[in-house]
Amino acid sequence: MRYLRSFGRFWWDFVFGDDWRLAAGVIAGLAVTKFLVDRDVPAWWALPLAAVAALAVSLRRAAN
């Protein structure tokens, strides 16, 4: 059981790390991309745009 808890904590720290908002932005970008792809819209641009936007928000919060 300790192995599973350690494994889960590793992935939590790896994905969410220092700023959970950055991870949430990327997850939201994945959801938007899936939504667009399901409607046959070319969505190659959605995830990079979401990642850049999430990074910009994260950097602005860190600078303040």
PDB file of N, CA and C in Angstrom:
ATOM      1  N   MET A   1       0.820  -1.177   0.000  1.00  0.00           N
ATOM      2  CA  MET A   1       0.000   0.000   0.000  1.00  0.00           C
ATOM      3  C   MET A   1       0.876   1.258   0.000  1.00  0.00           C
ATOM      4  N   ARG A   2       1.997   1.203   0.684  1.00  0.00           N
ATOM      5  CA  ARG A   2       2.892   2.355   0.725  1.00  0.00           C
ATOM      6  C   ARG A   2       3.423   2.662  -0.669  1.00  0.00           C
ATOM      7  N   TYR A   3       3.672   1.608  -1.469  1.00  0.00           N
ATOM      8  CA  TYR A   3       4.152   1.794  -2.830  1.00  0.00           C
ATOM      9  C   TYR A   3       3.114   2.547  -3.665  1.00  0.00           C
ATOM     10  N   LEU A   4       1.859   2.163  -3.537  1.00  0.00           N
ATOM     11  CA  LEU A   4       0.804   2.841  -4.300  1.00  0.00           C
ATOM     12  C   LEU A   4       0.665   4.304  -3.879  1.00  0.00           C
ATOM     13  N   ARG A   5       0.756   4.568  -2.578  1.00  0.00           N
ATOM     14  CA  ARG A   5       0.652   5.939  -2.103  1.00  0.00           C
ATOM     15  C   ARG A   5       1.823   6.771  -2.619  1.00  0.00           C
ATOM     16  N   SER A   6       3.022   6.205  -2.578  1.00  0.00           N
ATOM     17  CA  SER A   6       4.198   6.923  -3.088  1.00  0.00           C
ATOM     18  C   SER A   6       4.079   7.171  -4.586  1.00  0.00           C
ATOM     19  N   PHE A   7       3.598   6.177  -5.308  1.00  0.00           N
ATOM     20  CA  PHE A   7       3.410   6.312  -6.752  1.00  0.00           C
ATOM     21  C   PHE A   7       2.396   7.412  -7.062  1.00  0.00           C
ATOM     22  N   GLY A   8       1.289   7.429  -6.322  1.00  0.00           N
ATOM     23  CA  GLY A   8       0.273   8.465  -6.519  1.00  0.00           C
ATOM     24  C   GLY A   8       0.798   9.856  -6.185  1.00  0.00           C
ATOM     25  N   ARG A   9       1.564   9.966  -5.108  1.00  0.00           N
ATOM     26  CA  ARG A   9       2.129  11.268  -4.741  1.00  0.00           C
ATOM     27  C   ARG A   9       3.127  11.758  -5.778  1.00  0.00           C
ATOM     28  N   PHE A  10       3.904  10.830  -6.336  1.00  0.00           N
ATOM     29  CA  PHE A  10       4.838  11.222  -7.396  1.00  0.00           C
ATOM     30  C   PHE A  10       4.090  11.828  -8.564  1.00  0.00           C
ATOM     31  N   TRP A  11       3.038  11.146  -9.040  1.00  0.00           N
ATOM     32  CA  TRP A  11       2.310  11.650 -10.198  1.00  0.00           C
ATOM     33  C   TRP A  11       1.579  12.940  -9.880  1.00  0.00           C
ATOM     34  N   TRP A  12       1.042  13.073  -8.674  1.00  0.00           N
ATOM     35  CA  TRP A  12       0.378  14.324  -8.287  1.00  0.00           C
ATOM     36  C   TRP A  12       1.385  15.477  -8.334  1.00  0.00           C
ATOM     37  N   ASP A  13       2.553  15.259  -7.750  1.00  0.00           N
ATOM     38  CA  ASP A  13       3.575  16.304  -7.743  1.00  0.00           C
ATOM     39  C   ASP A  13       4.102  16.576  -9.149  1.00  0.00           C
ATOM     40  N   PHE A  14       4.232  15.545  -9.974  1.00  0.00           N
ATOM     41  CA  PHE A  14       4.730  15.698 -11.333  1.00  0.00           C
ATOM     42  C   PHE A  14       3.751  16.496 -12.190  1.00  0.00           C
ATOM     43  N   VAL A  15       2.471  16.197 -12.071  1.00  0.00           N
ATOM     44  CA  VAL A  15       1.470  16.853 -12.916  1.00  0.00           C
ATOM     45  C   VAL A  15       1.128  18.243 -12.374  1.00  0.00           C
ATOM     46  N   PHE A  16       0.857  18.355 -11.086  1.00  0.00           N
ATOM     47  CA  PHE A  16       0.392  19.622 -10.537  1.00  0.00           C
ATOM     48  C   PHE A  16       1.522  20.478  -9.996  1.00  0.00           C
ATOM     49  N   GLY A  17       2.563  19.870  -9.510  1.00  0.00           N
ATOM     50  CA  GLY A  17       3.787  20.559  -9.121  1.00  0.00           C
ATOM     51  C   GLY A  17       3.594  21.829  -8.328  1.00  0.00           C
ATOM     52  N   ASP A  18       4.243  22.891  -8.753  1.00  0.00           N
ATOM     53  CA  ASP A  18       4.214  24.150  -8.017  1.00  0.00           C
ATOM     54  C   ASP A  18       2.950  24.961  -8.264  1.00  0.00           C
ATOM     55  N   ASP A  19       2.372  24.853  -9.436  1.00  0.00           N
ATOM     56  CA  ASP A  19       1.234  25.703  -9.776  1.00  0.00           C
ATOM     57  C   ASP A  19       0.113  24.856 -10.364  1.00  0.00           C
ATOM     58  N   TRP A  20      -0.909  24.619  -9.583  1.00  0.00           N
ATOM     59  CA  TRP A  20      -2.014  23.789 -10.044  1.00  0.00           C
ATOM     60  C   TRP A  20      -2.795  24.473 -11.156  1.00  0.00           C
ATOM     61  N   ARG A  21      -2.707  25.807 -11.235  1.00  0.00           N
ATOM     62  CA  ARG A  21      -3.433  26.533 -12.280  1.00  0.00           C
ATOM     63  C   ARG A  21      -2.869  26.221 -13.669  1.00  0.00           C
ATOM     64  N   LEU A  22      -1.579  26.024 -13.740  1.00  0.00           N
ATOM     65  CA  LEU A  22      -0.945  25.671 -15.010  1.00  0.00           C
ATOM     66  C   LEU A  22      -1.437  24.306 -15.485  1.00  0.00           C
ATOM     67  N   ALA A  23      -1.477  23.341 -14.576  1.00  0.00           N
ATOM     68  CA  ALA A  23      -1.987  22.014 -14.926  1.00  0.00           C
ATOM     69  C   ALA A  23      -3.461  22.074 -15.305  1.00  0.00           C
ATOM     70  N   ALA A  24      -4.235  22.871 -14.590  1.00  0.00           N
ATOM     71  CA  ALA A  24      -5.659  23.000 -14.905  1.00  0.00           C
ATOM     72  C   ALA A  24      -5.861  23.629 -16.281  1.00  0.00           C
ATOM     73  N   GLY A  25      -5.012  24.589 -16.648  1.00  0.00           N
ATOM     74  CA  GLY A  25      -5.105  25.197 -17.972  1.00  0.00           C
ATOM     75  C   GLY A  25      -4.806  24.214 -19.082  1.00  0.00           C
ATOM     76  N   VAL A  26      -3.822  23.376 -18.876  1.00  0.00           N
ATOM     77  CA  VAL A  26      -3.488  22.366 -19.888  1.00  0.00           C
ATOM     78  C   VAL A  26      -4.601  21.325 -19.984  1.00  0.00           C
ATOM     79  N   ILE A  27      -5.151  20.918 -18.849  1.00  0.00           N
ATOM     80  CA  ILE A  27      -6.262  19.960 -18.865  1.00  0.00           C
ATOM     81  C   ILE A  27      -7.477  20.570 -19.566  1.00  0.00           C
ATOM     82  N   ALA A  28      -7.746  21.843 -19.313  1.00  0.00           N
ATOM     83  CA  ALA A  28      -8.845  22.521 -20.009  1.00  0.00           C
ATOM     84  C   ALA A  28      -8.571  22.590 -21.507  1.00  0.00           C
ATOM     85  N   GLY A  29      -7.313  22.829 -21.882  1.00  0.00           N
ATOM     86  CA  GLY A  29      -6.946  22.839 -23.298  1.00  0.00           C
ATOM     87  C   GLY A  29      -7.169  21.486 -23.958  1.00  0.00           C
ATOM     88  N   LEU A  30      -6.858  20.421 -23.236  1.00  0.00           N
ATOM     89  CA  LEU A  30      -7.128  19.083 -23.768  1.00  0.00           C
ATOM     90  C   LEU A  30      -8.620  18.855 -23.957  1.00  0.00           C
ATOM     91  N   ALA A  31      -9.423  19.327 -23.012  1.00  0.00           N
ATOM     92  CA  ALA A  31     -10.876  19.168 -23.122  1.00  0.00           C
ATOM     93  C   ALA A  31     -11.426  19.957 -24.312  1.00  0.00           C
ATOM     94  N   VAL A  32     -10.941  21.175 -24.505  1.00  0.00           N
ATOM     95  CA  VAL A  32     -11.394  21.984 -25.643  1.00  0.00           C
ATOM     96  C   VAL A  32     -10.976  21.326 -26.959  1.00  0.00           C
ATOM     97  N   THR A  33      -9.748  20.807 -26.992  1.00  0.00           N
ATOM     98  CA  THR A  33      -9.275  20.135 -28.197  1.00  0.00           C
ATOM     99  C   THR A  33     -10.147  18.929 -28.523  1.00  0.00           C
ATOM    100  N   LYS A  34     -10.477  18.124 -27.511  1.00  0.00           N
ATOM    101  CA  LYS A  34     -11.346  16.961 -27.739  1.00  0.00           C
ATOM    102  C   LYS A  34     -12.721  17.409 -28.218  1.00  0.00           C
ATOM    103  N   PHE A  35     -13.252  18.467 -27.622  1.00  0.00           N
ATOM    104  CA  PHE A  35     -14.555  18.987 -28.036  1.00  0.00           C
ATOM    105  C   PHE A  35     -14.544  19.376 -29.513  1.00  0.00           C
ATOM    106  N   LEU A  36     -13.483  20.069 -29.933  1.00  0.00           N
ATOM    107  CA  LEU A  36     -13.394  20.497 -31.330  1.00  0.00           C
ATOM    108  C   LEU A  36     -13.204  19.323 -32.279  1.00  0.00           C
ATOM    109  N   VAL A  37     -12.378  18.371 -31.893  1.00  0.00           N
ATOM    110  CA  VAL A  37     -12.124  17.209 -32.748  1.00  0.00           C
ATOM    111  C   VAL A  37     -13.402  16.377 -32.914  1.00  0.00           C
ATOM    112  N   ASP A  38     -14.181  16.252 -31.843  1.00  0.00           N
ATOM    113  CA  ASP A  38     -15.436  15.499 -31.937  1.00  0.00           C
ATOM    114  C   ASP A  38     -16.423  16.141 -32.905  1.00  0.00           C
ATOM    115  N   ARG A  39     -16.252  17.423 -33.164  1.00  0.00           N
ATOM    116  CA  ARG A  39     -17.131  18.130 -34.099  1.00  0.00           C
ATOM    117  C   ARG A  39     -16.468  18.351 -35.459  1.00  0.00           C
ATOM    118  N   ASP A  40     -15.422  17.582 -35.724  1.00  0.00           N
ATOM    119  CA  ASP A  40     -14.696  17.612 -37.002  1.00  0.00           C
ATOM    120  C   ASP A  40     -14.134  18.987 -37.338  1.00  0.00           C
ATOM    121  N   VAL A  41     -13.677  19.707 -36.330  1.00  0.00           N
ATOM    122  CA  VAL A  41     -13.019  20.994 -36.522  1.00  0.00           C
ATOM    123  C   VAL A  41     -11.514  20.762 -36.395  1.00  0.00           C
ATOM    124  N   PRO A  42     -10.714  21.270 -37.317  1.00  0.00           N
ATOM    125  CA  PRO A  42      -9.260  21.135 -37.164  1.00  0.00           C
ATOM    126  C   PRO A  42      -8.821  21.837 -35.875  1.00  0.00           C
ATOM    127  N   ALA A  43      -8.266  21.068 -34.947  1.00  0.00           N
ATOM    128  CA  ALA A  43      -7.996  21.608 -33.612  1.00  0.00           C
ATOM    129  C   ALA A  43      -6.523  21.571 -33.253  1.00  0.00           C
ATOM    130  N   TRP A  44      -5.647  21.551 -34.230  1.00  0.00           N
ATOM    131  CA  TRP A  44      -4.216  21.466 -33.940  1.00  0.00           C
ATOM    132  C   TRP A  44      -3.732  22.696 -33.190  1.00  0.00           C
ATOM    133  N   TRP A  45      -4.429  23.801 -33.279  1.00  0.00           N
ATOM    134  CA  TRP A  45      -4.020  25.069 -32.699  1.00  0.00           C
ATOM    135  C   TRP A  45      -4.504  25.255 -31.264  1.00  0.00           C
ATOM    136  N   ALA A  46      -5.489  24.479 -30.832  1.00  0.00           N
ATOM    137  CA  ALA A  46      -6.137  24.733 -29.540  1.00  0.00           C
ATOM    138  C   ALA A  46      -5.227  24.427 -28.352  1.00  0.00           C
ATOM    139  N   LEU A  47      -4.553  23.294 -28.367  1.00  0.00           N
ATOM    140  CA  LEU A  47      -3.724  22.930 -27.214  1.00  0.00           C
ATOM    141  C   LEU A  47      -2.499  23.828 -27.065  1.00  0.00           C
ATOM    142  N   PRO A  48      -1.753  24.142 -28.140  1.00  0.00           N
ATOM    143  CA  PRO A  48      -0.646  25.087 -27.954  1.00  0.00           C
ATOM    144  C   PRO A  48      -1.119  26.458 -27.460  1.00  0.00           C
ATOM    145  N   LEU A  49      -2.253  26.916 -27.947  1.00  0.00           N
ATOM    146  CA  LEU A  49      -2.795  28.198 -27.497  1.00  0.00           C
ATOM    147  C   LEU A  49      -3.154  28.145 -26.015  1.00  0.00           C
ATOM    148  N   ALA A  50      -3.772  27.062 -25.582  1.00  0.00           N
ATOM    149  CA  ALA A  50      -4.131  26.919 -24.163  1.00  0.00           C
ATOM    150  C   ALA A  50      -2.884  26.837 -23.291  1.00  0.00           C
ATOM    151  N   ALA A  51      -1.862  26.135 -23.747  1.00  0.00           N
ATOM    152  CA  ALA A  51      -0.626  26.012 -22.964  1.00  0.00           C
ATOM    153  C   ALA A  51       0.078  27.360 -22.832  1.00  0.00           C
ATOM    154  N   VAL A  52       0.128  28.124 -23.905  1.00  0.00           N
ATOM    155  CA  VAL A  52       0.759  29.446 -23.859  1.00  0.00           C
ATOM    156  C   VAL A  52      -0.048  30.379 -22.955  1.00  0.00           C
ATOM    157  N   ALA A  53      -1.364  30.331 -23.044  1.00  0.00           N
ATOM    158  CA  ALA A  53      -2.197  31.178 -22.190  1.00  0.00           C
ATOM    159  C   ALA A  53      -2.029  30.807 -20.720  1.00  0.00           C
ATOM    160  N   ALA A  54      -2.010  29.519 -20.413  1.00  0.00           N
ATOM    161  CA  ALA A  54      -1.829  29.084 -19.026  1.00  0.00           C
ATOM    162  C   ALA A  54      -0.458  29.486 -18.508  1.00  0.00           C
ATOM    163  N   LEU A  55       0.556  29.389 -19.346  1.00  0.00           N
ATOM    164  CA  LEU A  55       1.900  29.797 -18.943  1.00  0.00           C
ATOM    165  C   LEU A  55       1.965  31.302 -18.700  1.00  0.00           C
ATOM    166  N   ALA A  56       1.320  32.078 -19.543  1.00  0.00           N
ATOM    167  CA  ALA A  56       1.313  33.534 -19.364  1.00  0.00           C
ATOM    168  C   ALA A  56       0.645  33.922 -18.056  1.00  0.00           C
ATOM    169  N   VAL A  57      -0.479  33.287 -17.754  1.00  0.00           N
ATOM    170  CA  VAL A  57      -1.168  33.568 -16.484  1.00  0.00           C
ATOM    171  C   VAL A  57      -0.289  33.173 -15.307  1.00  0.00           C
ATOM    172  N   SER A  58       0.354  32.023 -15.400  1.00  0.00           N
ATOM    173  CA  SER A  58       1.219  31.548 -14.322  1.00  0.00           C
ATOM    174  C   SER A  58       2.406  32.487 -14.105  1.00  0.00           C
ATOM    175  N   LEU A  59       3.007  32.935 -15.191  1.00  0.00           N
ATOM    176  CA  LEU A  59       4.145  33.844 -15.074  1.00  0.00           C
ATOM    177  C   LEU A  59       3.734  35.199 -14.507  1.00  0.00           C
ATOM    178  N   ARG A  60       2.573  35.684 -14.912  1.00  0.00           N
ATOM    179  CA  ARG A  60       2.095  36.967 -14.389  1.00  0.00           C
ATOM    180  C   ARG A  60       1.821  36.867 -12.891  1.00  0.00           C
ATOM    181  N   ARG A  61       1.248  35.752 -12.450  1.00  0.00           N
ATOM    182  CA  ARG A  61       1.000  35.564 -11.019  1.00  0.00           C
ATOM    183  C   ARG A  61       2.317  35.460 -10.255  1.00  0.00           C
ATOM    184  N   ALA A  62       3.312  34.814 -10.824  1.00  0.00           N
ATOM    185  CA  ALA A  62       4.601  34.662 -10.149  1.00  0.00           C
ATOM    186  C   ALA A  62       5.357  35.991 -10.081  1.00  0.00           C
ATOM    187  N   ALA A  63       5.171  36.841 -11.082  1.00  0.00           N
ATOM    188  CA  ALA A  63       5.874  38.126 -11.105  1.00  0.00           C
ATOM    189  C   ALA A  63       5.303  39.093 -10.077  1.00  0.00           C
ATOM    190  N   ASN A  64       4.029  38.936  -9.758  1.00  0.00           N
ATOM    191  CA  ASN A  64       3.400  39.832  -8.766  1.00  0.00           C
ATOM    192  C   ASN A  64       3.671  39.332  -7.419  1.00  0.00           C
TER     193      ASN A  64
END
